[in-house]
Amino acid sequence: MLSHARLESLLRSFPRMTVALVGDLFLDRYLELVPGSHELSIETGLEAYQIHRVRNSAGALGTVMNNLAALGVGMLLPVTVIGDDGHGFDLRQCLRSLPVDESHVLRDPRRLTPTYTKPMRLVDG
């Protein structure tokens, strides 16, 4: 079992740590929809919405990186491959808010950056 003293010692050492992470790095894209703005699309017959705002965040491996940064880890070293595309650009922008060494985030023009797009209905009022 981890003692309280050992846990405190570990937490104090976080700012000096570099943590390497290997895994899938996704872009989480949140589309905030304008309430009451939906109409039927002429082209598809499906509901179309006006978007109030787009928020991006690093997901999958990025979620782990965000959590480690919140705990105060000094440097994060992700080892992963993303697409050399617009979503990859947005994902790299998200990483810039974290203590990240991007030198092992490879960009491959033959790949699409994995992206979860999440429409979110805003509440009136």
C-alpha atoms as a PDB file:
ATOM      1  CA  MET A   1       0.000   0.000   0.000  1.00  0.00           C
ATOM      2  CA  LEU A   2       1.152   3.531  -0.792  1.00  0.00           C
ATOM      3  CA  SER A   3       1.778   5.540   2.359  1.00  0.00           C
ATOM      4  CA  HIS A   4       0.654   9.142   2.697  1.00  0.00           C
ATOM      5  CA  ALA A   5       4.291  10.279   2.986  1.00  0.00           C
ATOM      6  CA  ARG A   6       5.282   8.406  -0.196  1.00  0.00           C
ATOM      7  CA  LEU A   7       2.333   9.888  -2.093  1.00  0.00           C
ATOM      8  CA  GLU A   8       3.314  13.396  -0.996  1.00  0.00           C
ATOM      9  CA  SER A   9       6.898  12.727  -2.089  1.00  0.00           C
ATOM     10  CA  LEU A  10       5.725  11.565  -5.519  1.00  0.00           C
ATOM     11  CA  LEU A  11       3.457  14.581  -5.981  1.00  0.00           C
ATOM     12  CA  ARG A  12       6.310  16.952  -5.082  1.00  0.00           C
ATOM     13  CA  SER A  13       8.486  15.330  -7.759  1.00  0.00           C
ATOM     14  CA  PHE A  14       5.932  15.783 -10.592  1.00  0.00           C
ATOM     15  CA  PRO A  15       7.273  19.160 -11.803  1.00  0.00           C
ATOM     16  CA  ARG A  16      10.684  17.538 -12.440  1.00  0.00           C
ATOM     17  CA  MET A  17       9.239  14.536 -14.314  1.00  0.00           C
ATOM     18  CA  THR A  18       9.121  13.890 -18.038  1.00  0.00           C
ATOM     19  CA  VAL A  19       6.448  11.336 -18.906  1.00  0.00           C
ATOM     20  CA  ALA A  20       6.433   9.558 -22.281  1.00  0.00           C
ATOM     21  CA  LEU A  21       3.024   8.435 -23.535  1.00  0.00           C
ATOM     22  CA  VAL A  22       2.253   6.140 -26.469  1.00  0.00           C
ATOM     23  CA  GLY A  23      -1.228   5.930 -27.940  1.00  0.00           C
ATOM     24  CA  ASP A  24      -3.935   7.376 -30.145  1.00  0.00           C
ATOM     25  CA  LEU A  25      -4.247  11.149 -30.058  1.00  0.00           C
ATOM     26  CA  PHE A  26      -7.688  12.423 -31.096  1.00  0.00           C
ATOM     27  CA  LEU A  27      -9.212  15.827 -31.624  1.00  0.00           C
ATOM     28  CA  ASP A  28     -12.425  16.288 -29.655  1.00  0.00           C
ATOM     29  CA  ARG A  29     -14.479  18.938 -31.466  1.00  0.00           C
ATOM     30  CA  TYR A  30     -17.550  20.325 -29.698  1.00  0.00           C
ATOM     31  CA  LEU A  31     -20.105  22.153 -31.852  1.00  0.00           C
ATOM     32  CA  GLU A  32     -22.295  24.422 -29.726  1.00  0.00           C
ATOM     33  CA  LEU A  33     -25.589  24.674 -31.617  1.00  0.00           C
ATOM     34  CA  VAL A  34     -27.722  27.835 -31.548  1.00  0.00           C
ATOM     35  CA  PRO A  35     -31.054  27.046 -29.846  1.00  0.00           C
ATOM     36  CA  GLY A  36     -34.029  27.126 -32.204  1.00  0.00           C
ATOM     37  CA  SER A  37     -31.849  27.527 -35.292  1.00  0.00           C
ATOM     38  CA  HIS A  38     -32.571  24.201 -36.939  1.00  0.00           C
ATOM     39  CA  GLU A  39     -34.200  23.893 -40.332  1.00  0.00           C
ATOM     40  CA  LEU A  40     -34.435  21.169 -42.919  1.00  0.00           C
ATOM     41  CA  SER A  41     -31.579  20.947 -45.382  1.00  0.00           C
ATOM     42  CA  ILE A  42     -32.747  21.254 -48.985  1.00  0.00           C
ATOM     43  CA  GLU A  43     -29.980  18.876 -50.103  1.00  0.00           C
ATOM     44  CA  THR A  44     -30.459  16.096 -47.552  1.00  0.00           C
ATOM     45  CA  GLY A  45     -33.836  16.595 -45.904  1.00  0.00           C
ATOM     46  CA  LEU A  46     -32.075  16.336 -42.517  1.00  0.00           C
ATOM     47  CA  GLU A  47     -32.059  18.958 -39.783  1.00  0.00           C
ATOM     48  CA  ALA A  48     -29.320  21.578 -40.166  1.00  0.00           C
ATOM     49  CA  TYR A  49     -28.195  23.857 -37.327  1.00  0.00           C
ATOM     50  CA  GLN A  50     -26.376  27.149 -36.926  1.00  0.00           C
ATOM     51  CA  ILE A  51     -23.192  26.741 -34.900  1.00  0.00           C
ATOM     52  CA  HIS A  52     -22.628  29.265 -32.104  1.00  0.00           C
ATOM     53  CA  ARG A  53     -19.072  28.213 -31.286  1.00  0.00           C
ATOM     54  CA  VAL A  54     -16.564  25.421 -31.918  1.00  0.00           C
ATOM     55  CA  ARG A  55     -14.400  24.217 -29.006  1.00  0.00           C
ATOM     56  CA  ASN A  56     -11.491  21.854 -29.542  1.00  0.00           C
ATOM     57  CA  SER A  57      -9.573  19.762 -27.048  1.00  0.00           C
ATOM     58  CA  ALA A  58      -7.071  16.941 -27.198  1.00  0.00           C
ATOM     59  CA  GLY A  59      -8.848  13.631 -26.593  1.00  0.00           C
ATOM     60  CA  ALA A  60      -7.976   9.950 -26.044  1.00  0.00           C
ATOM     61  CA  LEU A  61      -4.238  10.152 -25.212  1.00  0.00           C
ATOM     62  CA  GLY A  62      -4.793  13.907 -24.951  1.00  0.00           C
ATOM     63  CA  THR A  63      -7.158  13.365 -22.011  1.00  0.00           C
ATOM     64  CA  VAL A  64      -4.387  11.557 -20.137  1.00  0.00           C
ATOM     65  CA  MET A  65      -1.986  14.370 -21.046  1.00  0.00           C
ATOM     66  CA  ASN A  66      -4.434  17.009 -19.758  1.00  0.00           C
ATOM     67  CA  ASN A  67      -4.787  15.101 -16.486  1.00  0.00           C
ATOM     68  CA  LEU A  68      -1.017  14.752 -16.024  1.00  0.00           C
ATOM     69  CA  ALA A  69      -0.528  18.453 -16.766  1.00  0.00           C
ATOM     70  CA  ALA A  70      -3.220  19.296 -14.180  1.00  0.00           C
ATOM     71  CA  LEU A  71      -1.267  17.229 -11.641  1.00  0.00           C
ATOM     72  CA  GLY A  72       1.796  19.355 -12.403  1.00  0.00           C
ATOM     73  CA  VAL A  73       3.950  16.968 -14.453  1.00  0.00           C
ATOM     74  CA  GLY A  74       6.821  19.015 -15.881  1.00  0.00           C
ATOM     75  CA  MET A  75       7.050  17.663 -19.443  1.00  0.00           C
ATOM     76  CA  LEU A  76       4.904  15.341 -21.556  1.00  0.00           C
ATOM     77  CA  LEU A  77       6.378  13.421 -24.472  1.00  0.00           C
ATOM     78  CA  PRO A  78       3.621  11.909 -26.650  1.00  0.00           C
ATOM     79  CA  VAL A  79       4.663   9.297 -29.219  1.00  0.00           C
ATOM     80  CA  THR A  80       1.921   9.091 -31.841  1.00  0.00           C
ATOM     81  CA  VAL A  81       0.929   9.686 -35.470  1.00  0.00           C
ATOM     82  CA  ILE A  82      -1.706  12.177 -36.602  1.00  0.00           C
ATOM     83  CA  GLY A  83      -2.764  13.401 -40.022  1.00  0.00           C
ATOM     84  CA  ASP A  84      -1.133  16.367 -41.711  1.00  0.00           C
ATOM     85  CA  ASP A  85      -4.532  18.007 -42.118  1.00  0.00           C
ATOM     86  CA  GLY A  86      -6.712  20.765 -40.672  1.00  0.00           C
ATOM     87  CA  HIS A  87      -7.825  18.683 -37.704  1.00  0.00           C
ATOM     88  CA  GLY A  88      -4.186  17.841 -37.008  1.00  0.00           C
ATOM     89  CA  PHE A  89      -3.401  21.568 -37.034  1.00  0.00           C
ATOM     90  CA  ASP A  90      -6.211  22.211 -34.534  1.00  0.00           C
ATOM     91  CA  LEU A  91      -4.988  19.326 -32.370  1.00  0.00           C
ATOM     92  CA  ARG A  92      -1.445  20.706 -32.308  1.00  0.00           C
ATOM     93  CA  GLN A  93      -2.890  24.084 -31.245  1.00  0.00           C
ATOM     94  CA  CYS A  94      -4.540  22.320 -28.278  1.00  0.00           C
ATOM     95  CA  LEU A  95      -1.229  20.725 -27.309  1.00  0.00           C
ATOM     96  CA  ARG A  96       0.442  24.133 -27.154  1.00  0.00           C
ATOM     97  CA  SER A  97      -1.434  24.892 -23.925  1.00  0.00           C
ATOM     98  CA  LEU A  98       0.290  21.918 -22.259  1.00  0.00           C
ATOM     99  CA  PRO A  99       3.926  21.255 -21.300  1.00  0.00           C
ATOM    100  CA  VAL A 100       4.474  19.084 -24.392  1.00  0.00           C
ATOM    101  CA  ASP A 101       7.520  18.150 -26.444  1.00  0.00           C
ATOM    102  CA  GLU A 102       5.930  17.543 -29.874  1.00  0.00           C
ATOM    103  CA  SER A 103       9.076  16.119 -31.472  1.00  0.00           C
ATOM    104  CA  HIS A 104       7.589  12.591 -31.541  1.00  0.00           C
ATOM    105  CA  VAL A 105       4.134  13.598 -32.795  1.00  0.00           C
ATOM    106  CA  LEU A 106       4.527  12.477 -36.388  1.00  0.00           C
ATOM    107  CA  ARG A 107       2.371  14.042 -39.120  1.00  0.00           C
ATOM    108  CA  ASP A 108       1.474  11.716 -41.972  1.00  0.00           C
ATOM    109  CA  PRO A 109      -0.159  13.264 -45.067  1.00  0.00           C
ATOM    110  CA  ARG A 110      -1.702   9.864 -45.901  1.00  0.00           C
ATOM    111  CA  ARG A 111      -3.674   9.771 -42.636  1.00  0.00           C
ATOM    112  CA  LEU A 112      -6.656  11.675 -41.331  1.00  0.00           C
ATOM    113  CA  THR A 113      -6.417  12.963 -37.778  1.00  0.00           C
ATOM    114  CA  PRO A 114      -8.901  10.976 -35.674  1.00  0.00           C
ATOM    115  CA  THR A 115     -11.683  13.367 -34.680  1.00  0.00           C
ATOM    116  CA  TYR A 116     -14.785  12.998 -32.534  1.00  0.00           C
ATOM    117  CA  THR A 117     -17.316  15.676 -33.482  1.00  0.00           C
ATOM    118  CA  LYS A 118     -19.840  16.252 -30.714  1.00  0.00           C
ATOM    119  CA  PRO A 119     -22.847  18.499 -31.411  1.00  0.00           C
ATOM    120  CA  MET A 120     -24.117  20.095 -28.187  1.00  0.00           C
ATOM    121  CA  ARG A 121     -27.474  21.819 -27.892  1.00  0.00           C
ATOM    122  CA  LEU A 122     -27.303  25.036 -25.890  1.00  0.00           C
ATOM    123  CA  VAL A 123     -30.217  25.745 -23.567  1.00  0.00           C
ATOM    124  CA  ASP A 124     -32.293  28.902 -24.163  1.00  0.00           C
ATOM    125  CA  GLY A 125     -32.001  31.591 -21.497  1.00  0.00           C
END
